[in-house]
Structure formats: C-alpha cells, structure tokens
N, C-alpha and C. Protein backbone atom coordinates (compact mmCIF):
# COMPACT_ATOMS: atom_id res chain seq x y z
N MET A 1 31.05 -51.13 55.34
CA MET A 1 30.26 -50.07 55.88
C MET A 1 28.82 -50.14 55.38
N LYS A 2 28.67 -50.41 54.05
CA LYS A 2 27.34 -50.50 53.48
C LYS A 2 26.58 -51.67 54.08
N ARG A 3 27.30 -52.76 54.36
CA ARG A 3 26.67 -53.93 54.97
C ARG A 3 26.14 -53.60 56.36
N ARG A 4 26.91 -52.87 57.13
CA ARG A 4 26.49 -52.50 58.48
C ARG A 4 25.26 -51.60 58.43
N ILE A 5 25.22 -50.66 57.53
CA ILE A 5 24.06 -49.78 57.38
C ILE A 5 22.83 -50.59 56.97
N ALA A 6 23.00 -51.51 56.03
CA ALA A 6 21.90 -52.36 55.59
C ALA A 6 21.40 -53.24 56.73
N LEU A 7 22.34 -53.79 57.51
CA LEU A 7 21.97 -54.63 58.66
C LEU A 7 21.23 -53.81 59.71
N LEU A 8 21.71 -52.60 59.99
CA LEU A 8 21.07 -51.72 60.95
C LEU A 8 19.66 -51.36 60.49
N ALA A 9 19.50 -51.04 59.21
CA ALA A 9 18.19 -50.71 58.66
C ALA A 9 17.25 -51.90 58.76
N ALA A 10 17.75 -53.10 58.48
CA ALA A 10 16.92 -54.29 58.57
C ALA A 10 16.49 -54.54 60.00
N LEU A 11 17.40 -54.38 60.96
CA LEU A 11 17.06 -54.56 62.37
C LEU A 11 16.02 -53.54 62.83
N LEU A 12 16.18 -52.31 62.38
CA LEU A 12 15.21 -51.26 62.72
C LEU A 12 13.83 -51.60 62.16
N LEU A 13 13.79 -52.07 60.93
CA LEU A 13 12.53 -52.45 60.30
C LEU A 13 11.86 -53.60 61.06
N VAL A 14 12.63 -54.60 61.43
CA VAL A 14 12.10 -55.73 62.20
C VAL A 14 11.56 -55.23 63.54
N GLY A 15 12.30 -54.35 64.20
CA GLY A 15 11.85 -53.79 65.47
C GLY A 15 10.53 -53.06 65.34
N LEU A 16 10.38 -52.27 64.29
CA LEU A 16 9.13 -51.56 64.07
C LEU A 16 7.98 -52.52 63.80
N LEU A 17 8.24 -53.57 63.03
CA LEU A 17 7.20 -54.56 62.77
C LEU A 17 6.77 -55.27 64.04
N VAL A 18 7.71 -55.64 64.88
CA VAL A 18 7.40 -56.30 66.15
C VAL A 18 6.59 -55.37 67.04
N ALA A 19 6.98 -54.11 67.13
CA ALA A 19 6.26 -53.15 67.98
C ALA A 19 4.83 -52.97 67.51
N SER A 20 4.62 -52.92 66.19
CA SER A 20 3.27 -52.70 65.69
C SER A 20 2.38 -53.92 65.86
N THR A 21 2.94 -55.12 65.98
CA THR A 21 2.12 -56.31 66.14
C THR A 21 1.97 -56.73 67.60
N THR A 22 2.67 -56.07 68.53
CA THR A 22 2.56 -56.45 69.94
C THR A 22 1.77 -55.45 70.74
N GLY A 23 1.03 -54.57 70.10
CA GLY A 23 0.18 -53.65 70.84
C GLY A 23 0.89 -52.41 71.34
N LEU A 24 2.07 -52.10 70.81
CA LEU A 24 2.76 -50.90 71.25
C LEU A 24 2.50 -49.73 70.33
N GLY A 25 1.77 -49.92 69.27
CA GLY A 25 1.45 -48.84 68.35
C GLY A 25 0.12 -48.21 68.70
N SER A 26 -0.51 -47.56 67.72
CA SER A 26 -1.75 -46.83 67.96
C SER A 26 -2.93 -47.75 68.23
N SER A 27 -2.81 -49.03 67.94
CA SER A 27 -3.91 -49.95 68.19
C SER A 27 -3.72 -50.67 69.53
N ASP A 28 -3.10 -50.02 70.47
CA ASP A 28 -2.82 -50.58 71.79
C ASP A 28 -4.13 -50.88 72.51
N SER A 29 -4.38 -52.14 72.79
CA SER A 29 -5.63 -52.52 73.45
C SER A 29 -5.41 -53.07 74.85
N ARG A 30 -4.23 -52.81 75.42
CA ARG A 30 -3.97 -53.29 76.78
C ARG A 30 -4.90 -52.63 77.77
N LYS A 31 -5.23 -53.34 78.85
CA LYS A 31 -6.04 -52.77 79.92
C LYS A 31 -5.20 -51.77 80.68
N ILE A 32 -5.76 -50.56 80.86
CA ILE A 32 -5.05 -49.61 81.71
C ILE A 32 -5.68 -49.54 83.09
N VAL A 33 -6.91 -50.00 83.19
CA VAL A 33 -7.54 -50.17 84.50
C VAL A 33 -8.62 -51.23 84.36
N ALA A 34 -8.65 -52.14 85.31
CA ALA A 34 -9.70 -53.15 85.41
C ALA A 34 -10.17 -53.14 86.86
N PHE A 35 -11.46 -53.29 87.07
CA PHE A 35 -11.98 -53.21 88.43
C PHE A 35 -13.17 -54.14 88.60
N ASP A 36 -13.35 -54.59 89.84
CA ASP A 36 -14.53 -55.38 90.17
C ASP A 36 -15.20 -54.85 91.43
N VAL A 37 -14.92 -53.59 91.71
CA VAL A 37 -15.56 -52.91 92.83
C VAL A 37 -15.63 -51.41 92.51
N MET A 38 -16.71 -50.80 92.92
CA MET A 38 -16.86 -49.35 92.86
C MET A 38 -17.50 -48.91 94.18
N ALA A 39 -17.29 -47.66 94.52
CA ALA A 39 -17.88 -47.10 95.74
C ALA A 39 -19.02 -46.17 95.35
N PRO A 40 -20.17 -46.30 96.01
CA PRO A 40 -21.27 -45.38 95.73
C PRO A 40 -21.02 -44.03 96.39
N VAL A 41 -21.63 -42.99 95.86
CA VAL A 41 -21.47 -41.66 96.43
C VAL A 41 -22.15 -41.60 97.80
N SER A 42 -21.47 -40.99 98.75
CA SER A 42 -22.03 -40.78 100.09
C SER A 42 -21.49 -39.45 100.61
N GLU A 43 -22.04 -39.01 101.71
CA GLU A 43 -21.57 -37.77 102.30
C GLU A 43 -20.10 -37.93 102.70
N PRO A 44 -19.25 -37.00 102.54
CA PRO A 44 -19.46 -35.61 102.15
C PRO A 44 -19.30 -35.36 100.65
N PHE A 45 -19.34 -36.40 99.83
CA PHE A 45 -19.12 -36.24 98.39
C PHE A 45 -20.39 -35.93 97.61
N THR A 46 -21.56 -35.93 98.25
CA THR A 46 -22.78 -35.55 97.54
C THR A 46 -22.72 -34.06 97.22
N GLY A 47 -23.16 -33.72 96.01
CA GLY A 47 -23.14 -32.32 95.60
C GLY A 47 -21.79 -31.90 95.05
N ALA A 48 -21.67 -30.59 94.81
CA ALA A 48 -20.49 -30.06 94.13
C ALA A 48 -19.35 -29.67 95.08
N THR A 49 -19.61 -29.59 96.38
CA THR A 49 -18.60 -29.09 97.31
C THR A 49 -17.32 -29.90 97.28
N ASN A 50 -17.41 -31.22 97.26
CA ASN A 50 -16.23 -32.08 97.26
C ASN A 50 -16.15 -32.91 95.99
N ALA A 51 -16.23 -32.23 94.87
CA ALA A 51 -16.13 -32.90 93.57
C ALA A 51 -14.78 -33.61 93.46
N ILE A 52 -14.76 -34.71 92.73
CA ILE A 52 -13.52 -35.44 92.46
C ILE A 52 -13.14 -35.16 91.01
N ARG A 53 -11.97 -34.56 90.83
CA ARG A 53 -11.47 -34.20 89.49
C ARG A 53 -12.50 -33.41 88.69
N GLY A 54 -13.23 -32.56 89.37
CA GLY A 54 -14.20 -31.71 88.71
C GLY A 54 -15.55 -32.36 88.47
N VAL A 55 -15.72 -33.61 88.91
CA VAL A 55 -16.99 -34.32 88.73
C VAL A 55 -17.76 -34.26 90.05
N PRO A 56 -18.90 -33.55 90.10
CA PRO A 56 -19.65 -33.45 91.34
C PRO A 56 -20.37 -34.74 91.68
N GLY A 57 -20.57 -34.97 92.96
CA GLY A 57 -21.32 -36.15 93.40
C GLY A 57 -22.81 -35.96 93.20
N GLY A 58 -23.54 -37.08 93.11
CA GLY A 58 -25.00 -37.01 93.05
C GLY A 58 -25.50 -36.29 94.29
N GLY A 59 -26.68 -35.70 94.18
CA GLY A 59 -27.21 -34.88 95.26
C GLY A 59 -27.63 -35.63 96.51
N LEU A 60 -27.81 -36.94 96.40
CA LEU A 60 -28.20 -37.78 97.53
C LEU A 60 -27.27 -38.99 97.59
N PRO A 61 -27.17 -39.65 98.72
CA PRO A 61 -26.33 -40.86 98.79
C PRO A 61 -26.96 -42.03 98.01
N TRP A 62 -26.09 -42.86 97.44
CA TRP A 62 -26.51 -44.03 96.68
C TRP A 62 -25.90 -45.27 97.31
N GLU A 63 -26.36 -46.44 96.90
CA GLU A 63 -25.74 -47.71 97.28
C GLU A 63 -25.64 -48.57 96.04
N LEU A 64 -24.80 -49.61 96.13
CA LEU A 64 -24.46 -50.40 94.96
C LEU A 64 -24.25 -51.85 95.35
N ASP A 65 -24.87 -52.76 94.60
CA ASP A 65 -24.67 -54.19 94.86
C ASP A 65 -23.37 -54.70 94.26
N ALA A 66 -23.12 -54.40 92.98
CA ALA A 66 -21.93 -54.92 92.31
C ALA A 66 -21.59 -54.06 91.10
N ALA A 67 -20.30 -54.04 90.77
CA ALA A 67 -19.84 -53.32 89.58
C ALA A 67 -18.53 -53.95 89.12
N LYS A 68 -18.33 -53.96 87.82
CA LYS A 68 -17.06 -54.39 87.26
C LYS A 68 -16.88 -53.73 85.92
N GLY A 69 -15.63 -53.67 85.48
CA GLY A 69 -15.38 -53.07 84.18
C GLY A 69 -13.91 -52.98 83.87
N GLU A 70 -13.64 -52.38 82.71
CA GLU A 70 -12.27 -52.18 82.27
C GLU A 70 -12.20 -51.04 81.28
N LEU A 71 -11.05 -50.37 81.33
CA LEU A 71 -10.73 -49.31 80.40
C LEU A 71 -9.45 -49.73 79.69
N ARG A 72 -9.47 -49.69 78.37
CA ARG A 72 -8.31 -50.11 77.58
C ARG A 72 -7.61 -48.88 77.00
N ALA A 73 -6.35 -49.06 76.70
CA ALA A 73 -5.53 -47.96 76.18
C ALA A 73 -6.09 -47.38 74.89
N ASP A 74 -6.79 -48.19 74.10
CA ASP A 74 -7.37 -47.68 72.86
C ASP A 74 -8.69 -46.96 73.08
N GLY A 75 -9.11 -46.79 74.35
CA GLY A 75 -10.30 -46.02 74.68
C GLY A 75 -11.56 -46.83 74.91
N ARG A 76 -11.51 -48.13 74.68
CA ARG A 76 -12.72 -48.93 74.92
C ARG A 76 -13.00 -49.01 76.42
N LEU A 77 -14.24 -48.68 76.78
CA LEU A 77 -14.65 -48.71 78.18
C LEU A 77 -15.90 -49.56 78.31
N GLU A 78 -15.86 -50.49 79.25
CA GLU A 78 -17.02 -51.33 79.57
C GLU A 78 -17.24 -51.28 81.08
N VAL A 79 -18.49 -51.03 81.47
CA VAL A 79 -18.85 -51.01 82.89
C VAL A 79 -20.18 -51.73 83.04
N GLU A 80 -20.22 -52.71 83.95
CA GLU A 80 -21.46 -53.40 84.29
C GLU A 80 -21.83 -53.05 85.72
N ILE A 81 -23.05 -52.60 85.91
CA ILE A 81 -23.54 -52.14 87.21
C ILE A 81 -24.76 -52.96 87.60
N GLU A 82 -24.80 -53.36 88.87
CA GLU A 82 -25.99 -54.03 89.42
C GLU A 82 -26.41 -53.33 90.71
N GLY A 83 -27.68 -52.99 90.79
CA GLY A 83 -28.24 -52.46 92.02
C GLY A 83 -27.72 -51.09 92.44
N LEU A 84 -27.52 -50.19 91.49
CA LEU A 84 -27.12 -48.83 91.82
C LEU A 84 -28.39 -48.02 92.05
N VAL A 85 -28.71 -47.84 93.33
CA VAL A 85 -29.98 -47.21 93.73
C VAL A 85 -29.73 -46.18 94.82
N LEU A 86 -30.70 -45.33 95.04
CA LEU A 86 -30.62 -44.38 96.14
C LEU A 86 -30.55 -45.13 97.46
N ALA A 87 -29.77 -44.60 98.39
CA ALA A 87 -29.56 -45.26 99.69
C ALA A 87 -30.88 -45.43 100.43
N ARG A 88 -30.92 -46.48 101.23
CA ARG A 88 -32.12 -46.81 102.02
C ARG A 88 -32.01 -46.17 103.40
N ARG A 89 -31.76 -44.87 103.41
CA ARG A 89 -31.61 -44.14 104.67
C ARG A 89 -31.78 -42.65 104.40
N ALA A 90 -31.92 -41.90 105.48
CA ALA A 90 -31.97 -40.45 105.36
C ALA A 90 -30.59 -39.97 104.89
N PRO A 91 -30.53 -38.95 104.12
CA PRO A 91 -31.54 -37.95 103.81
C PRO A 91 -32.40 -38.26 102.59
N VAL A 92 -32.31 -39.48 102.05
CA VAL A 92 -33.13 -39.84 100.90
C VAL A 92 -34.59 -39.93 101.35
N PRO A 93 -35.51 -39.26 100.63
CA PRO A 93 -36.93 -39.37 100.98
C PRO A 93 -37.38 -40.83 100.98
N GLU A 94 -38.21 -41.21 101.92
CA GLU A 94 -38.63 -42.60 102.08
C GLU A 94 -39.17 -43.22 100.80
N ALA A 95 -39.94 -42.46 100.03
CA ALA A 95 -40.55 -42.99 98.81
C ALA A 95 -39.50 -43.33 97.73
N LEU A 96 -38.30 -42.77 97.82
CA LEU A 96 -37.26 -43.01 96.81
C LEU A 96 -36.20 -44.01 97.25
N ARG A 97 -36.17 -44.38 98.51
CA ARG A 97 -35.14 -45.28 99.01
C ARG A 97 -35.16 -46.62 98.29
N GLY A 98 -33.97 -47.06 97.87
CA GLY A 98 -33.85 -48.35 97.19
C GLY A 98 -34.31 -48.35 95.75
N THR A 99 -34.48 -47.17 95.16
CA THR A 99 -34.92 -47.07 93.76
C THR A 99 -33.88 -46.33 92.93
N ASN A 100 -33.96 -46.53 91.63
CA ASN A 100 -33.16 -45.75 90.69
C ASN A 100 -34.12 -44.89 89.87
N PRO A 101 -34.20 -43.60 90.15
CA PRO A 101 -35.11 -42.72 89.41
C PRO A 101 -34.52 -42.20 88.09
N ILE A 102 -33.30 -42.64 87.73
CA ILE A 102 -32.62 -42.14 86.54
C ILE A 102 -32.74 -43.18 85.42
N ALA A 103 -33.25 -42.77 84.26
CA ALA A 103 -33.51 -43.71 83.16
C ALA A 103 -32.24 -44.16 82.43
N SER A 104 -31.19 -43.38 82.53
CA SER A 104 -29.95 -43.78 81.84
C SER A 104 -28.74 -43.25 82.61
N PHE A 105 -27.66 -44.02 82.51
CA PHE A 105 -26.38 -43.66 83.10
C PHE A 105 -25.38 -43.45 81.97
N LYS A 106 -24.30 -42.79 82.30
CA LYS A 106 -23.14 -42.75 81.41
C LYS A 106 -21.92 -42.95 82.30
N ALA A 107 -20.77 -43.13 81.67
CA ALA A 107 -19.52 -43.25 82.41
C ALA A 107 -18.60 -42.11 82.00
N ILE A 108 -17.75 -41.73 82.94
CA ILE A 108 -16.71 -40.75 82.67
C ILE A 108 -15.38 -41.40 83.02
N ALA A 109 -14.44 -41.36 82.08
CA ALA A 109 -13.07 -41.76 82.35
C ALA A 109 -12.28 -40.49 82.60
N SER A 110 -11.64 -40.42 83.76
CA SER A 110 -10.87 -39.24 84.14
C SER A 110 -9.38 -39.60 84.15
N CYS A 111 -8.60 -38.82 83.43
CA CYS A 111 -7.15 -39.05 83.33
C CYS A 111 -6.40 -37.80 83.77
N LEU A 112 -5.26 -38.02 84.38
CA LEU A 112 -4.29 -36.94 84.57
C LEU A 112 -3.37 -37.00 83.38
N THR A 113 -3.09 -35.85 82.79
CA THR A 113 -2.27 -35.81 81.58
C THR A 113 -1.38 -34.58 81.59
N VAL A 114 -0.71 -34.33 80.51
CA VAL A 114 0.17 -33.18 80.37
C VAL A 114 -0.38 -32.31 79.25
N ASP A 115 -0.53 -31.02 79.53
CA ASP A 115 -1.04 -30.08 78.54
C ASP A 115 -0.09 -28.87 78.53
N GLY A 116 0.67 -28.74 77.46
CA GLY A 116 1.61 -27.63 77.36
C GLY A 116 2.66 -27.60 78.45
N GLY A 117 3.06 -28.77 78.92
CA GLY A 117 4.08 -28.84 79.96
C GLY A 117 3.53 -28.79 81.38
N SER A 118 2.22 -28.60 81.53
CA SER A 118 1.59 -28.56 82.85
C SER A 118 0.68 -29.76 83.05
N ALA A 119 0.52 -30.13 84.32
CA ALA A 119 -0.41 -31.21 84.64
C ALA A 119 -1.84 -30.74 84.39
N ALA A 120 -2.68 -31.66 83.89
CA ALA A 120 -4.08 -31.32 83.61
C ALA A 120 -4.95 -32.55 83.86
N THR A 121 -6.21 -32.30 84.15
CA THR A 121 -7.21 -33.36 84.27
C THR A 121 -8.08 -33.31 83.03
N VAL A 122 -8.29 -34.47 82.40
CA VAL A 122 -9.17 -34.57 81.25
C VAL A 122 -10.23 -35.62 81.56
N ASN A 123 -11.50 -35.22 81.49
CA ASN A 123 -12.63 -36.12 81.71
C ASN A 123 -13.34 -36.36 80.38
N VAL A 124 -13.52 -37.63 80.03
CA VAL A 124 -14.13 -38.01 78.77
C VAL A 124 -15.37 -38.86 79.06
N SER A 125 -16.50 -38.51 78.45
CA SER A 125 -17.78 -39.18 78.73
C SER A 125 -18.18 -40.15 77.64
N THR A 126 -18.89 -41.20 78.06
CA THR A 126 -19.51 -42.13 77.11
C THR A 126 -20.86 -41.57 76.69
N THR A 127 -21.49 -42.25 75.77
CA THR A 127 -22.89 -41.95 75.44
C THR A 127 -23.75 -42.55 76.55
N LEU A 128 -25.02 -42.22 76.54
CA LEU A 128 -25.94 -42.73 77.56
C LEU A 128 -26.26 -44.20 77.32
N ALA A 129 -26.46 -44.92 78.42
CA ALA A 129 -26.88 -46.32 78.36
C ALA A 129 -28.12 -46.48 79.23
N PRO A 130 -29.09 -47.28 78.80
CA PRO A 130 -30.30 -47.43 79.60
C PRO A 130 -30.00 -48.06 80.97
N ALA A 131 -30.71 -47.58 81.98
CA ALA A 131 -30.59 -48.11 83.34
C ALA A 131 -31.97 -48.55 83.81
N SER A 132 -32.04 -49.70 84.46
CA SER A 132 -33.32 -50.22 84.93
C SER A 132 -33.72 -49.53 86.23
N PRO A 133 -35.00 -49.61 86.60
CA PRO A 133 -35.44 -49.05 87.89
C PRO A 133 -34.74 -49.68 89.09
N SER A 134 -34.22 -50.91 88.90
CA SER A 134 -33.47 -51.56 89.99
C SER A 134 -31.99 -51.22 89.96
N GLY A 135 -31.57 -50.32 89.04
CA GLY A 135 -30.20 -49.83 89.02
C GLY A 135 -29.21 -50.69 88.27
N ASP A 136 -29.66 -51.47 87.32
CA ASP A 136 -28.77 -52.30 86.51
C ASP A 136 -28.51 -51.61 85.17
N ALA A 137 -27.27 -51.67 84.71
CA ALA A 137 -26.91 -51.06 83.43
C ALA A 137 -25.62 -51.66 82.91
N LYS A 138 -25.46 -51.61 81.59
CA LYS A 138 -24.21 -52.00 80.94
C LYS A 138 -23.83 -50.85 80.02
N ILE A 139 -22.67 -50.28 80.29
CA ILE A 139 -22.17 -49.15 79.52
C ILE A 139 -20.99 -49.64 78.69
N GLU A 140 -21.07 -49.45 77.38
CA GLU A 140 -19.98 -49.82 76.47
C GLU A 140 -19.81 -48.69 75.47
N ASP A 141 -18.59 -48.22 75.34
CA ASP A 141 -18.33 -47.13 74.40
C ASP A 141 -16.84 -47.09 74.10
N SER A 142 -16.49 -46.33 73.09
CA SER A 142 -15.10 -46.12 72.74
C SER A 142 -14.82 -44.64 72.88
N LEU A 143 -13.83 -44.30 73.71
CA LEU A 143 -13.51 -42.92 74.02
C LEU A 143 -12.18 -42.52 73.39
N VAL A 144 -11.99 -41.23 73.24
CA VAL A 144 -10.69 -40.70 72.81
C VAL A 144 -10.00 -40.21 74.08
N LEU A 145 -9.05 -41.01 74.56
CA LEU A 145 -8.34 -40.69 75.79
C LEU A 145 -7.14 -39.80 75.50
N PRO A 146 -6.78 -38.94 76.45
CA PRO A 146 -5.55 -38.16 76.26
C PRO A 146 -4.34 -39.08 76.40
N SER A 147 -3.23 -38.62 75.85
CA SER A 147 -1.99 -39.39 75.98
C SER A 147 -0.93 -38.45 76.51
N PRO A 148 -0.40 -38.76 77.68
CA PRO A 148 -0.62 -39.95 78.49
C PRO A 148 -1.92 -39.85 79.29
N CYS A 149 -2.37 -41.00 79.78
CA CYS A 149 -3.53 -41.08 80.67
C CYS A 149 -3.05 -41.71 81.97
N PHE A 150 -2.63 -40.85 82.90
CA PHE A 150 -2.14 -41.32 84.20
C PHE A 150 -3.30 -41.43 85.18
N ALA A 151 -3.19 -42.37 86.12
CA ALA A 151 -4.11 -42.51 87.26
C ALA A 151 -5.58 -42.43 86.83
N PRO A 152 -6.01 -43.30 85.91
CA PRO A 152 -7.40 -43.22 85.45
C PRO A 152 -8.39 -43.58 86.55
N ILE A 153 -9.49 -42.86 86.58
CA ILE A 153 -10.62 -43.12 87.47
C ILE A 153 -11.85 -43.24 86.57
N VAL A 154 -12.74 -44.19 86.89
CA VAL A 154 -13.98 -44.36 86.14
C VAL A 154 -15.14 -44.03 87.06
N PHE A 155 -16.03 -43.18 86.58
CA PHE A 155 -17.24 -42.80 87.29
C PHE A 155 -18.46 -43.33 86.54
N VAL A 156 -19.53 -43.69 87.26
CA VAL A 156 -20.85 -43.90 86.67
C VAL A 156 -21.66 -42.68 87.09
N THR A 157 -22.27 -42.02 86.11
CA THR A 157 -22.90 -40.73 86.38
C THR A 157 -24.32 -40.64 85.83
N SER A 158 -24.96 -39.54 86.21
CA SER A 158 -26.24 -39.15 85.64
C SER A 158 -26.00 -38.64 84.22
N PRO A 159 -27.05 -38.45 83.44
CA PRO A 159 -26.86 -37.85 82.11
C PRO A 159 -26.17 -36.48 82.17
N GLY A 160 -26.38 -35.75 83.26
CA GLY A 160 -25.75 -34.44 83.42
C GLY A 160 -24.34 -34.48 83.98
N GLY A 161 -23.85 -35.66 84.38
CA GLY A 161 -22.46 -35.80 84.81
C GLY A 161 -22.22 -35.79 86.31
N MET A 162 -23.26 -35.97 87.14
CA MET A 162 -23.05 -36.09 88.58
C MET A 162 -22.79 -37.57 88.89
N TRP A 163 -21.73 -37.87 89.66
CA TRP A 163 -21.35 -39.27 89.85
C TRP A 163 -22.16 -39.95 90.94
N PHE A 164 -22.49 -41.22 90.66
CA PHE A 164 -23.20 -42.09 91.61
C PHE A 164 -22.29 -43.20 92.12
N ALA A 165 -21.29 -43.59 91.33
CA ALA A 165 -20.34 -44.63 91.72
C ALA A 165 -18.99 -44.30 91.09
N VAL A 166 -17.91 -44.69 91.79
CA VAL A 166 -16.55 -44.39 91.33
C VAL A 166 -15.65 -45.58 91.63
N THR A 167 -14.64 -45.79 90.78
CA THR A 167 -13.69 -46.86 91.06
C THR A 167 -13.00 -46.59 92.39
N GLY A 168 -12.77 -47.63 93.12
CA GLY A 168 -12.15 -47.50 94.44
C GLY A 168 -13.05 -48.09 95.50
N ARG A 169 -12.62 -47.93 96.72
CA ARG A 169 -13.40 -48.48 97.83
C ARG A 169 -13.28 -47.59 99.01
C-alpha cells in the first residue's frame, strides 16, 4: 500500500513538472490570437452608436494598408500597422484625406470572460505608441488579461480609446 502511495505521489510530481515546463502554468506564452489583417472603421461603426464591446469607433472613416500582430496567453501584445489614415473620401474633409492626424495609437485587447458566474466583457489597453503622419506604428506591451479570455478582439485606437482598426475583415 505504501509503495502504491509513493508511486502515485511520484507520478503526480512528474505530471506537475511536465505541466509547468510545457506552458500550461502561469507562464503560458501560447498565441491566443494571431492576425495579418484588420478592418478600418467605416460607417455605420463611426462614433459611439454602434460601439463594439463598448469601444466606440473613430468619428470619421479610416483606411489601412496592412496590419499584423499577435496576442499571447501571458498578455504580450504586438501590433504592426502600416498606412492607417483617414479615408480618401467624404465625409472626411479634403485637407485631412489620406493623413493620420493622431500622434500616437494604443491597442485594446477585448475578452469575454466570467465575472461572478455571469458573462462579462473586459477591455485592457496598452500604453501609447508613436504613430507617423503616414499612419505607421508598432505597439508592444504586456497586458493583464482576464482568465478565461474567450473570443479575443484587438483594436487599434486613439489615445482616448476610439477604434480605427479591428481584427477581422
């Protein structure tokens, strides 16, 4: 009997060691979302009327040349943006078309989670990253994500949190 208990304890210990070295513990760095496309904000998502998960759209339509990034289970978020500028059409004023008037962008990771037994949305923001007048930026930060983090969405936003680009198409 003592042998069986000792064997069971040894197997349990080995299992815990394997789990901690394969990324199943708190240092889990697996990708929970990776993307190489984002959609720019356009009507009817401009403004607060049709916010996505509580994140309002930028006040004018935008366009985007390229975007890619990844969000990892440990909270690391990287987003590379190229050519995120105001749309080259009405209702954008002619003088602003094709420009980025915002000096810095941030990203928001939005997760569906469980809070006290009920479904909840949790939005977590990065710090600001510089953005060029041509709409290029690289956002890198480490976030504290809720657990669980279901159906993650990544937004690129203004400093105030209005989204200009979102994962998806």
